[in-house]
Amino acid sequence: MQQVLVIDDSAAVRQLMRMALERAGYAVSEACDGEDAYELLDGRTLNLVVCDLSMPRVDGLSFLRLLRHHPRYRFTPVVVLSTETRPDRREAAKAAGAQAFITKPCRPSELVDAVARLCH
């Protein structure tokens, strides 16, 4: 089963993402921000990350940079799911290592489609 880490400071958003991804057959772990997520990077199998940008403590861009410096997760695909709409934020996310960017709110099927496309 493919393992997906969902990172968002909103418990409601995490729950919606979890439900959509689990219905599609993925195993889901959750973190409330980048610091919480980084603590979960303990060598476990991780096939994909879904990450918000605006979060307390460690934001999404900072987490992506940390993820890309971690030897085990350097090439783990990342989908950014954010309310950010500015082109410079999209470019910053891609520069930090995101392969896809989805603007909130989104349909659950849009998220599942992006995850399926990138999950190996």
C-alpha atoms as a PDB file:
ATOM      1  CA  MET A   1       0.000   0.000   0.000  1.00  0.00           C
ATOM      2  CA  GLN A   2       1.315   3.442  -0.944  1.00  0.00           C
ATOM      3  CA  GLN A   3       2.154   5.688   2.039  1.00  0.00           C
ATOM      4  CA  VAL A   4       1.169   9.384   1.888  1.00  0.00           C
ATOM      5  CA  LEU A   5       2.065  12.062   4.453  1.00  0.00           C
ATOM      6  CA  VAL A   6      -0.479  14.891   4.698  1.00  0.00           C
ATOM      7  CA  ILE A   7       0.758  18.150   6.286  1.00  0.00           C
ATOM      8  CA  ASP A   8      -1.712  20.936   7.061  1.00  0.00           C
ATOM      9  CA  ASP A   9      -2.381  23.067  10.141  1.00  0.00           C
ATOM     10  CA  SER A  10      -6.142  22.639   9.695  1.00  0.00           C
ATOM     11  CA  ALA A  11      -7.459  19.434  11.269  1.00  0.00           C
ATOM     12  CA  ALA A  12     -10.574  19.649   9.063  1.00  0.00           C
ATOM     13  CA  VAL A  13      -8.487  19.841   5.874  1.00  0.00           C
ATOM     14  CA  ARG A  14      -6.317  16.931   7.031  1.00  0.00           C
ATOM     15  CA  GLN A  15      -9.444  14.886   7.723  1.00  0.00           C
ATOM     16  CA  LEU A  16     -10.895  15.606   4.261  1.00  0.00           C
ATOM     17  CA  MET A  17      -7.609  14.709   2.572  1.00  0.00           C
ATOM     18  CA  ARG A  18      -7.263  11.556   4.670  1.00  0.00           C
ATOM     19  CA  MET A  19     -10.771  10.383   3.800  1.00  0.00           C
ATOM     20  CA  ALA A  20     -10.303  10.994   0.063  1.00  0.00           C
ATOM     21  CA  LEU A  21      -6.892   9.306  -0.048  1.00  0.00           C
ATOM     22  CA  GLU A  22      -7.886   6.330   2.104  1.00  0.00           C
ATOM     23  CA  ARG A  23     -10.975   5.767  -0.089  1.00  0.00           C
ATOM     24  CA  ALA A  24      -8.573   5.684  -3.053  1.00  0.00           C
ATOM     25  CA  GLY A  25      -6.477   2.988  -1.352  1.00  0.00           C
ATOM     26  CA  TYR A  26      -3.615   4.972   0.214  1.00  0.00           C
ATOM     27  CA  ALA A  27      -2.308   4.709   3.768  1.00  0.00           C
ATOM     28  CA  VAL A  28      -2.181   8.198   5.284  1.00  0.00           C
ATOM     29  CA  SER A  29      -0.060   9.738   8.057  1.00  0.00           C
ATOM     30  CA  GLU A  30      -0.757  13.278   9.267  1.00  0.00           C
ATOM     31  CA  ALA A  31       1.258  16.198  10.599  1.00  0.00           C
ATOM     32  CA  CYS A  32       0.017  19.629  11.708  1.00  0.00           C
ATOM     33  CA  ASP A  33       3.034  21.599  10.411  1.00  0.00           C
ATOM     34  CA  GLY A  34       6.498  21.174   8.947  1.00  0.00           C
ATOM     35  CA  GLU A  35       8.169  20.640  12.308  1.00  0.00           C
ATOM     36  CA  ASP A  36       5.739  17.867  13.237  1.00  0.00           C
ATOM     37  CA  ALA A  37       6.208  16.325   9.777  1.00  0.00           C
ATOM     38  CA  TYR A  38       9.998  16.420   9.929  1.00  0.00           C
ATOM     39  CA  GLU A  39       9.884  14.491  13.204  1.00  0.00           C
ATOM     40  CA  LEU A  40       8.004  11.734  11.338  1.00  0.00           C
ATOM     41  CA  LEU A  41      10.842  11.277   8.831  1.00  0.00           C
ATOM     42  CA  ASP A  42      12.360   8.381  10.710  1.00  0.00           C
ATOM     43  CA  GLY A  43      13.238   6.110   7.818  1.00  0.00           C
ATOM     44  CA  ARG A  44       9.686   4.908   7.218  1.00  0.00           C
ATOM     45  CA  THR A  45       8.523   4.277   3.690  1.00  0.00           C
ATOM     46  CA  LEU A  46       6.968   7.412   2.278  1.00  0.00           C
ATOM     47  CA  ASN A  47       5.738   7.442  -1.317  1.00  0.00           C
ATOM     48  CA  LEU A  48       4.392  10.992  -1.468  1.00  0.00           C
ATOM     49  CA  VAL A  49       3.843  14.167   0.594  1.00  0.00           C
ATOM     50  CA  VAL A  50       0.842  16.513   0.391  1.00  0.00           C
ATOM     51  CA  CYS A  51       1.832  19.807   2.001  1.00  0.00           C
ATOM     52  CA  ASP A  52       0.269  23.188   2.759  1.00  0.00           C
ATOM     53  CA  LEU A  53       2.478  26.296   2.485  1.00  0.00           C
ATOM     54  CA  SER A  54       1.153  28.524   5.285  1.00  0.00           C
ATOM     55  CA  MET A  55       1.696  26.764   8.609  1.00  0.00           C
ATOM     56  CA  PRO A  56       3.062  27.706  12.044  1.00  0.00           C
ATOM     57  CA  ARG A  57       6.548  26.820  13.332  1.00  0.00           C
ATOM     58  CA  VAL A  58       7.968  25.360  10.085  1.00  0.00           C
ATOM     59  CA  ASP A  59       6.088  26.434   6.937  1.00  0.00           C
ATOM     60  CA  GLY A  60       5.677  24.378   3.783  1.00  0.00           C
ATOM     61  CA  LEU A  61       8.574  25.854   1.820  1.00  0.00           C
ATOM     62  CA  SER A  62      10.962  25.353   4.728  1.00  0.00           C
ATOM     63  CA  PHE A  63       9.747  21.777   5.158  1.00  0.00           C
ATOM     64  CA  LEU A  64      10.276  21.071   1.441  1.00  0.00           C
ATOM     65  CA  ARG A  65      13.857  22.303   1.696  1.00  0.00           C
ATOM     66  CA  LEU A  66      14.428  20.061   4.737  1.00  0.00           C
ATOM     67  CA  LEU A  67      12.857  17.113   2.917  1.00  0.00           C
ATOM     68  CA  ARG A  68      15.125  17.598  -0.106  1.00  0.00           C
ATOM     69  CA  HIS A  69      18.206  17.543   2.134  1.00  0.00           C
ATOM     70  CA  HIS A  70      17.181  14.283   3.824  1.00  0.00           C
ATOM     71  CA  PRO A  71      18.970  11.426   1.979  1.00  0.00           C
ATOM     72  CA  ARG A  72      16.051   8.984   2.188  1.00  0.00           C
ATOM     73  CA  TYR A  73      13.381  11.449   1.035  1.00  0.00           C
ATOM     74  CA  ARG A  74      15.329  13.585  -1.432  1.00  0.00           C
ATOM     75  CA  PHE A  75      13.258  12.358  -4.385  1.00  0.00           C
ATOM     76  CA  THR A  76       9.892  11.821  -2.668  1.00  0.00           C
ATOM     77  CA  PRO A  77       7.163  13.444  -4.790  1.00  0.00           C
ATOM     78  CA  VAL A  78       5.365  16.431  -3.246  1.00  0.00           C
ATOM     79  CA  VAL A  79       1.960  17.929  -3.987  1.00  0.00           C
ATOM     80  CA  VAL A  80       1.449  21.414  -2.551  1.00  0.00           C
ATOM     81  CA  LEU A  81      -2.164  22.101  -1.575  1.00  0.00           C
ATOM     82  CA  SER A  82      -2.507  25.757  -0.621  1.00  0.00           C
ATOM     83  CA  THR A  83      -4.730  28.833  -0.613  1.00  0.00           C
ATOM     84  CA  GLU A  84      -1.758  30.751  -2.057  1.00  0.00           C
ATOM     85  CA  THR A  85      -2.546  31.910  -5.595  1.00  0.00           C
ATOM     86  CA  ARG A  86       0.355  34.215  -6.420  1.00  0.00           C
ATOM     87  CA  PRO A  87       2.576  32.950  -9.264  1.00  0.00           C
ATOM     88  CA  ASP A  88       5.747  33.674  -7.249  1.00  0.00           C
ATOM     89  CA  ARG A  89       4.530  31.304  -4.480  1.00  0.00           C
ATOM     90  CA  ARG A  90       3.909  28.563  -7.064  1.00  0.00           C
ATOM     91  CA  GLU A  91       7.384  29.089  -8.472  1.00  0.00           C
ATOM     92  CA  ALA A  92       8.911  29.051  -4.981  1.00  0.00           C
ATOM     93  CA  ALA A  93       7.152  25.754  -4.246  1.00  0.00           C
ATOM     94  CA  LYS A  94       8.421  24.212  -7.477  1.00  0.00           C
ATOM     95  CA  ALA A  95      11.936  25.529  -6.804  1.00  0.00           C
ATOM     96  CA  ALA A  96      11.800  23.938  -3.338  1.00  0.00           C
ATOM     97  CA  GLY A  97      10.918  20.581  -4.869  1.00  0.00           C
ATOM     98  CA  ALA A  98       7.149  20.347  -5.399  1.00  0.00           C
ATOM     99  CA  GLN A  99       5.997  18.457  -8.485  1.00  0.00           C
ATOM    100  CA  ALA A 100       2.362  19.662  -8.365  1.00  0.00           C
ATOM    101  CA  PHE A 101       0.477  22.654  -6.978  1.00  0.00           C
ATOM    102  CA  ILE A 102      -3.257  22.598  -6.232  1.00  0.00           C
ATOM    103  CA  THR A 103      -5.157  25.636  -5.013  1.00  0.00           C
ATOM    104  CA  LYS A 104      -7.581  25.221  -2.088  1.00  0.00           C
ATOM    105  CA  PRO A 105     -10.393  24.605  -2.004  1.00  0.00           C
ATOM    106  CA  CYS A 106     -10.180  21.666  -4.375  1.00  0.00           C
ATOM    107  CA  ARG A 107     -12.299  18.680  -5.222  1.00  0.00           C
ATOM    108  CA  PRO A 108     -11.141  15.470  -3.508  1.00  0.00           C
ATOM    109  CA  SER A 109     -10.869  13.852  -6.939  1.00  0.00           C
ATOM    110  CA  GLU A 110      -8.374  16.535  -8.014  1.00  0.00           C
ATOM    111  CA  LEU A 111      -6.126  15.650  -5.082  1.00  0.00           C
ATOM    112  CA  VAL A 112      -6.460  11.904  -5.647  1.00  0.00           C
ATOM    113  CA  ASP A 113      -5.681  12.326  -9.355  1.00  0.00           C
ATOM    114  CA  ALA A 114      -2.510  14.315  -8.591  1.00  0.00           C
ATOM    115  CA  VAL A 115      -1.378  11.772  -5.992  1.00  0.00           C
ATOM    116  CA  ALA A 116      -2.046   8.848  -8.353  1.00  0.00           C
ATOM    117  CA  ARG A 117      -0.081  10.573 -11.120  1.00  0.00           C
ATOM    118  CA  LEU A 118       2.996  11.076  -8.914  1.00  0.00           C
ATOM    119  CA  CYS A 119       2.926   8.083  -6.564  1.00  0.00           C
ATOM    120  CA  HIS A 120       5.199   5.245  -7.632  1.00  0.00           C
END
